[in-house]
PDB file of N, CA and C in Angstrom:
ATOM      1  N   UNK A   1      -7.254   6.225  -4.644  1.00  0.00           N
ATOM      2  CA  UNK A   1      -7.375   5.419  -5.860  1.00  0.00           C
ATOM      3  C   UNK A   1      -5.999   4.988  -6.351  1.00  0.00           C
ATOM      4  N   UNK A   2      -5.003   5.899  -6.265  1.00  0.00           N
ATOM      5  CA  UNK A   2      -3.658   5.611  -6.742  1.00  0.00           C
ATOM      6  C   UNK A   2      -3.023   4.497  -5.896  1.00  0.00           C
ATOM      7  N   UNK A   3      -3.291   4.476  -4.587  1.00  0.00           N
ATOM      8  CA  UNK A   3      -2.725   3.449  -3.747  1.00  0.00           C
ATOM      9  C   UNK A   3      -3.319   2.103  -4.070  1.00  0.00           C
ATOM     10  N   UNK A   4      -4.595   2.073  -4.295  1.00  0.00           N
ATOM     11  CA  UNK A   4      -5.240   0.770  -4.672  1.00  0.00           C
ATOM     12  C   UNK A   4      -4.736   0.261  -6.039  1.00  0.00           C
ATOM     13  N   UNK A   5      -4.602   1.172  -6.980  1.00  0.00           N
ATOM     14  CA  UNK A   5      -4.094   0.754  -8.300  1.00  0.00           C
ATOM     15  C   UNK A   5      -2.646   0.251  -8.208  1.00  0.00           C
ATOM     16  N   UNK A   6      -1.823   0.908  -7.344  1.00  0.00           N
ATOM     17  CA  UNK A   6      -0.465   0.447  -7.174  1.00  0.00           C
ATOM     18  C   UNK A   6      -0.429  -0.923  -6.501  1.00  0.00           C
ATOM     19  N   UNK A   7      -1.360  -1.179  -5.555  1.00  0.00           N
ATOM     20  CA  UNK A   7      -1.386  -2.500  -4.921  1.00  0.00           C
ATOM     21  C   UNK A   7      -1.792  -3.572  -5.916  1.00  0.00           C
ATOM     22  N   UNK A   8      -2.763  -3.274  -6.773  1.00  0.00           N
ATOM     23  CA  UNK A   8      -3.167  -4.219  -7.812  1.00  0.00           C
ATOM     24  C   UNK A   8      -1.969  -4.490  -8.762  1.00  0.00           C
ATOM     25  N   UNK A   9      -1.264  -3.474  -9.123  1.00  0.00           N
ATOM     26  CA  UNK A   9      -0.076  -3.633  -9.976  1.00  0.00           C
ATOM     27  C   UNK A   9       0.969  -4.522  -9.324  1.00  0.00           C
ATOM     28  N   UNK A  10       1.196  -4.272  -8.046  1.00  0.00           N
ATOM     29  CA  UNK A  10       2.171  -5.080  -7.278  1.00  0.00           C
ATOM     30  C   UNK A  10       1.712  -6.539  -7.184  1.00  0.00           C
ATOM     31  N   UNK A  11       0.394  -6.721  -6.971  1.00  0.00           N
ATOM     32  CA  UNK A  11      -0.174  -8.073  -6.912  1.00  0.00           C
ATOM     33  C   UNK A  11       0.061  -8.813  -8.238  1.00  0.00           C
ATOM     34  N   UNK A  12      -0.227  -8.136  -9.335  1.00  0.00           N
ATOM     35  CA  UNK A  12      -0.030  -8.782 -10.654  1.00  0.00           C
ATOM     36  C   UNK A  12       1.467  -9.077 -10.889  1.00  0.00           C
ATOM     37  N   UNK A  13       2.354  -8.124 -10.568  1.00  0.00           N
ATOM     38  CA  UNK A  13       3.786  -8.362 -10.837  1.00  0.00           C
ATOM     39  C   UNK A  13       4.314  -9.503  -9.970  1.00  0.00           C
ATOM     40  N   UNK A  14       4.018  -9.504  -8.662  1.00  0.00           N
ATOM     41  CA  UNK A  14       4.552 -10.543  -7.820  1.00  0.00           C
ATOM     42  C   UNK A  14       3.957 -11.900  -8.131  1.00  0.00           C
ATOM     43  N   UNK A  15       2.672 -11.960  -8.599  1.00  0.00           N
ATOM     44  CA  UNK A  15       2.092 -13.180  -9.050  1.00  0.00           C
ATOM     45  C   UNK A  15       2.835 -13.706 -10.289  1.00  0.00           C
ATOM     46  N   UNK A  16       3.144 -12.798 -11.175  1.00  0.00           N
ATOM     47  CA  UNK A  16       3.864 -13.211 -12.413  1.00  0.00           C
ATOM     48  C   UNK A  16       5.278 -13.654 -12.097  1.00  0.00           C
ATOM     49  N   UNK A  17       5.928 -12.953 -11.188  1.00  0.00           N
ATOM     50  CA  UNK A  17       7.328 -13.199 -10.850  1.00  0.00           C
ATOM     51  C   UNK A  17       7.516 -14.417  -9.965  1.00  0.00           C
ATOM     52  N   UNK A  18       6.612 -14.571  -8.974  1.00  0.00           N
ATOM     53  CA  UNK A  18       6.735 -15.679  -7.980  1.00  0.00           C
ATOM     54  C   UNK A  18       5.511 -16.571  -8.068  1.00  0.00           C
ATOM     55  N   UNK A  19       4.724 -16.570  -7.018  1.00  0.00           N
ATOM     56  CA  UNK A  19       3.444 -17.376  -6.966  1.00  0.00           C
ATOM     57  C   UNK A  19       2.367 -16.560  -6.367  1.00  0.00           C
ATOM     58  N   UNK A  20       1.134 -16.937  -6.645  1.00  0.00           N
ATOM     59  CA  UNK A  20      -0.018 -16.197  -6.178  1.00  0.00           C
ATOM     60  C   UNK A  20      -0.083 -16.091  -4.659  1.00  0.00           C
ATOM     61  N   UNK A  21       0.209 -17.194  -3.937  1.00  0.00           N
ATOM     62  CA  UNK A  21       0.117 -17.165  -2.515  1.00  0.00           C
ATOM     63  C   UNK A  21       1.084 -16.181  -1.888  1.00  0.00           C
ATOM     64  N   UNK A  22       2.288 -16.022  -2.502  1.00  0.00           N
ATOM     65  CA  UNK A  22       3.251 -15.058  -2.005  1.00  0.00           C
ATOM     66  C   UNK A  22       2.768 -13.609  -2.303  1.00  0.00           C
ATOM     67  N   UNK A  23       2.215 -13.433  -3.510  1.00  0.00           N
ATOM     68  CA  UNK A  23       1.738 -12.100  -3.842  1.00  0.00           C
ATOM     69  C   UNK A  23       0.578 -11.676  -2.959  1.00  0.00           C
ATOM     70  N   UNK A  24      -0.279 -12.611  -2.673  1.00  0.00           N
ATOM     71  CA  UNK A  24      -1.459 -12.291  -1.852  1.00  0.00           C
ATOM     72  C   UNK A  24      -1.017 -11.900  -0.443  1.00  0.00           C
ATOM     73  N   UNK A  25      -0.042 -12.640   0.131  1.00  0.00           N
ATOM     74  CA  UNK A  25       0.462 -12.320   1.436  1.00  0.00           C
ATOM     75  C   UNK A  25       1.176 -10.966   1.474  1.00  0.00           C
ATOM     76  N   UNK A  26       1.954 -10.728   0.381  1.00  0.00           N
ATOM     77  CA  UNK A  26       2.621  -9.418   0.312  1.00  0.00           C
ATOM     78  C   UNK A  26       1.704  -8.239   0.235  1.00  0.00           C
ATOM     79  N   UNK A  27       0.637  -8.340  -0.569  1.00  0.00           N
ATOM     80  CA  UNK A  27      -0.309  -7.269  -0.731  1.00  0.00           C
ATOM     81  C   UNK A  27      -1.131  -7.113   0.537  1.00  0.00           C
ATOM     82  N   UNK A  28      -1.446  -8.189   1.203  1.00  0.00           N
ATOM     83  CA  UNK A  28      -2.145  -8.080   2.486  1.00  0.00           C
ATOM     84  C   UNK A  28      -1.288  -7.298   3.505  1.00  0.00           C
ATOM     85  N   UNK A  29       0.023  -7.591   3.539  1.00  0.00           N
ATOM     86  CA  UNK A  29       0.918  -6.850   4.420  1.00  0.00           C
ATOM     87  C   UNK A  29       0.971  -5.345   4.033  1.00  0.00           C
ATOM     88  N   UNK A  30       1.003  -5.065   2.735  1.00  0.00           N
ATOM     89  CA  UNK A  30       0.972  -3.715   2.257  1.00  0.00           C
ATOM     90  C   UNK A  30      -0.285  -2.995   2.690  1.00  0.00           C
ATOM     91  N   UNK A  31      -1.428  -3.643   2.517  1.00  0.00           N
ATOM     92  CA  UNK A  31      -2.684  -3.105   2.886  1.00  0.00           C
ATOM     93  C   UNK A  31      -2.680  -2.779   4.412  1.00  0.00           C
ATOM     94  N   UNK A  32      -2.107  -3.652   5.166  1.00  0.00           N
ATOM     95  CA  UNK A  32      -2.030  -3.474   6.624  1.00  0.00           C
ATOM     96  C   UNK A  32      -1.208  -2.232   6.940  1.00  0.00           C
ATOM     97  N   UNK A  33      -0.068  -2.069   6.260  1.00  0.00           N
ATOM     98  CA  UNK A  33       0.797  -0.905   6.485  1.00  0.00           C
ATOM     99  C   UNK A  33       0.079   0.389   6.163  1.00  0.00           C
ATOM    100  N   UNK A  34      -0.617   0.429   5.021  1.00  0.00           N
ATOM    101  CA  UNK A  34      -1.316   1.592   4.587  1.00  0.00           C
ATOM    102  C   UNK A  34      -2.509   1.902   5.547  1.00  0.00           C
ATOM    103  N   UNK A  35      -3.201   0.863   5.923  1.00  0.00           N
ATOM    104  CA  UNK A  35      -4.303   1.032   6.817  1.00  0.00           C
ATOM    105  C   UNK A  35      -3.904   1.628   8.160  1.00  0.00           C
ATOM    106  N   UNK A  36      -2.759   1.155   8.687  1.00  0.00           N
ATOM    107  CA  UNK A  36      -2.302   1.712  10.004  1.00  0.00           C
ATOM    108  C   UNK A  36      -1.903   3.202   9.799  1.00  0.00           C
ATOM    109  N   UNK A  37      -1.224   3.500   8.721  1.00  0.00           N
ATOM    110  CA  UNK A  37      -0.787   4.865   8.467  1.00  0.00           C
ATOM    111  C   UNK A  37      -2.011   5.790   8.327  1.00  0.00           C
ATOM    112  N   UNK A  38      -3.004   5.372   7.543  1.00  0.00           N
ATOM    113  CA  UNK A  38      -4.180   6.164   7.397  1.00  0.00           C
ATOM    114  C   UNK A  38      -4.973   6.257   8.715  1.00  0.00           C
ATOM    115  N   UNK A  39      -4.935   5.220   9.515  1.00  0.00           N
ATOM    116  CA  UNK A  39      -5.607   5.233  10.836  1.00  0.00           C
ATOM    117  C   UNK A  39      -4.955   6.293  11.720  1.00  0.00           C
ATOM    118  N   UNK A  40      -3.666   6.406  11.714  1.00  0.00           N
ATOM    119  CA  UNK A  40      -2.980   7.450  12.534  1.00  0.00           C
ATOM    120  C   UNK A  40      -3.400   8.834  12.039  1.00  0.00           C
ATOM    121  N   UNK A  41      -3.475   8.994  10.753  1.00  0.00           N
ATOM    122  CA  UNK A  41      -3.929  10.327  10.224  1.00  0.00           C
ATOM    123  C   UNK A  41      -5.381  10.611  10.649  1.00  0.00           C
ATOM    124  N   UNK A  42      -6.210   9.594  10.671  1.00  0.00           N
ATOM    125  CA  UNK A  42      -7.582   9.764  11.082  1.00  0.00           C
ATOM    126  C   UNK A  42      -7.693  10.086  12.571  1.00  0.00           C
ATOM    127  N   UNK A  43      -6.944   9.344  13.394  1.00  0.00           N
ATOM    128  CA  UNK A  43      -6.956   9.579  14.829  1.00  0.00           C
ATOM    129  C   UNK A  43      -6.446  10.976  15.178  1.00  0.00           C
ATOM    130  N   UNK A  44      -5.376  11.428  14.521  1.00  0.00           N
ATOM    131  CA  UNK A  44      -4.818  12.727  14.759  1.00  0.00           C
ATOM    132  C   UNK A  44      -5.533  13.858  14.066  1.00  0.00           C
ATOM    133  N   UNK A  45      -6.557  13.498  13.270  1.00  0.00           N
ATOM    134  CA  UNK A  45      -7.354  14.472  12.545  1.00  0.00           C
ATOM    135  C   UNK A  45      -6.508  15.373  11.651  1.00  0.00           C
ATOM    136  N   UNK A  46      -5.606  14.732  10.897  1.00  0.00           N
ATOM    137  CA  UNK A  46      -4.729  15.406   9.961  1.00  0.00           C
ATOM    138  C   UNK A  46      -5.280  15.382   8.584  1.00  0.00           C
ATOM    139  N   UNK A  47      -4.947  16.398   7.785  1.00  0.00           N
ATOM    140  CA  UNK A  47      -5.365  16.481   6.398  1.00  0.00           C
ATOM    141  C   UNK A  47      -4.502  15.584   5.523  1.00  0.00           C
ATOM    142  N   UNK A  48      -5.095  14.907   4.585  1.00  0.00           N
ATOM    143  CA  UNK A  48      -4.347  14.063   3.629  1.00  0.00           C
ATOM    144  C   UNK A  48      -4.097  14.881   2.380  1.00  0.00           C
ATOM    145  N   UNK A  49      -2.937  15.403   2.257  1.00  0.00           N
ATOM    146  CA  UNK A  49      -2.575  16.254   1.122  1.00  0.00           C
ATOM    147  C   UNK A  49      -1.864  15.406   0.055  1.00  0.00           C
ATOM    148  N   UNK A  50      -1.492  16.043  -1.014  1.00  0.00           N
ATOM    149  CA  UNK A  50      -0.763  15.368  -2.097  1.00  0.00           C
ATOM    150  C   UNK A  50       0.603  14.831  -1.610  1.00  0.00           C
ATOM    151  N   UNK A  51       1.209  15.489  -0.671  1.00  0.00           N
ATOM    152  CA  UNK A  51       2.491  15.023  -0.148  1.00  0.00           C
ATOM    153  C   UNK A  51       2.277  13.714   0.655  1.00  0.00           C
ATOM    154  N   UNK A  52       1.165  13.654   1.375  1.00  0.00           N
ATOM    155  CA  UNK A  52       0.851  12.457   2.152  1.00  0.00           C
ATOM    156  C   UNK A  52       0.557  11.285   1.189  1.00  0.00           C
ATOM    157  N   UNK A  53      -0.127  11.558   0.133  1.00  0.00           N
ATOM    158  CA  UNK A  53      -0.360  10.506  -0.846  1.00  0.00           C
ATOM    159  C   UNK A  53       0.901   9.970  -1.465  1.00  0.00           C
ATOM    160  N   UNK A  54       1.846  10.887  -1.754  1.00  0.00           N
ATOM    161  CA  UNK A  54       3.146  10.519  -2.287  1.00  0.00           C
ATOM    162  C   UNK A  54       3.933   9.636  -1.235  1.00  0.00           C
ATOM    163  N   UNK A  55       3.860  10.036   0.027  1.00  0.00           N
ATOM    164  CA  UNK A  55       4.499   9.277   1.089  1.00  0.00           C
ATOM    165  C   UNK A  55       3.897   7.907   1.248  1.00  0.00           C
ATOM    166  N   UNK A  56       2.608   7.804   1.131  1.00  0.00           N
ATOM    167  CA  UNK A  56       1.956   6.474   1.221  1.00  0.00           C
ATOM    168  C   UNK A  56       2.299   5.615   0.043  1.00  0.00           C
ATOM    169  N   UNK A  57       2.384   6.169  -1.156  1.00  0.00           N
ATOM    170  CA  UNK A  57       2.853   5.410  -2.302  1.00  0.00           C
ATOM    171  C   UNK A  57       4.304   4.966  -2.170  1.00  0.00           C
ATOM    172  N   UNK A  58       5.090   5.823  -1.557  1.00  0.00           N
ATOM    173  CA  UNK A  58       6.490   5.428  -1.251  1.00  0.00           C
ATOM    174  C   UNK A  58       6.523   4.301  -0.243  1.00  0.00           C
ATOM    175  N   UNK A  59       5.689   4.348   0.748  1.00  0.00           N
ATOM    176  CA  UNK A  59       5.554   3.275   1.734  1.00  0.00           C
ATOM    177  C   UNK A  59       5.171   1.974   1.080  1.00  0.00           C
ATOM    178  N   UNK A  60       4.235   2.030   0.142  1.00  0.00           N
ATOM    179  CA  UNK A  60       3.829   0.856  -0.571  1.00  0.00           C
ATOM    180  C   UNK A  60       5.003   0.263  -1.385  1.00  0.00           C
ATOM    181  N   UNK A  61       5.717   1.124  -2.040  1.00  0.00           N
ATOM    182  CA  UNK A  61       6.841   0.699  -2.876  1.00  0.00           C
ATOM    183  C   UNK A  61       7.983   0.100  -2.082  1.00  0.00           C
ATOM    184  N   UNK A  62       8.274   0.646  -0.937  1.00  0.00           N
ATOM    185  CA  UNK A  62       9.419   0.125  -0.110  1.00  0.00           C
ATOM    186  C   UNK A  62       9.019  -1.030   0.734  1.00  0.00           C
ATOM    187  N   UNK A  63       7.729  -1.164   1.047  1.00  0.00           N
ATOM    188  CA  UNK A  63       7.307  -2.253   1.951  1.00  0.00           C
ATOM    189  C   UNK A  63       7.405  -3.605   1.275  1.00  0.00           C
ATOM    190  N   UNK A  64       7.216  -3.650  -0.004  1.00  0.00           N
ATOM    191  CA  UNK A  64       7.210  -4.950  -0.669  1.00  0.00           C
ATOM    192  C   UNK A  64       8.641  -5.454  -0.789  1.00  0.00           C
TER     193      UNK A  64
END
């Protein structure tokens, strides 16, 4: 839930700062990065702990 809320916040900020088409492309790329990371955790059958959630939020923050 925190990752989705952060992506919505980034979408709103980038839309306000630049243009909607750029924000949509940026958030789609972020979603792609998070989806691949969570896919690796799923394939490797790893537990998603609070540290992993913090790492994914960091990934979202640095990817934009």
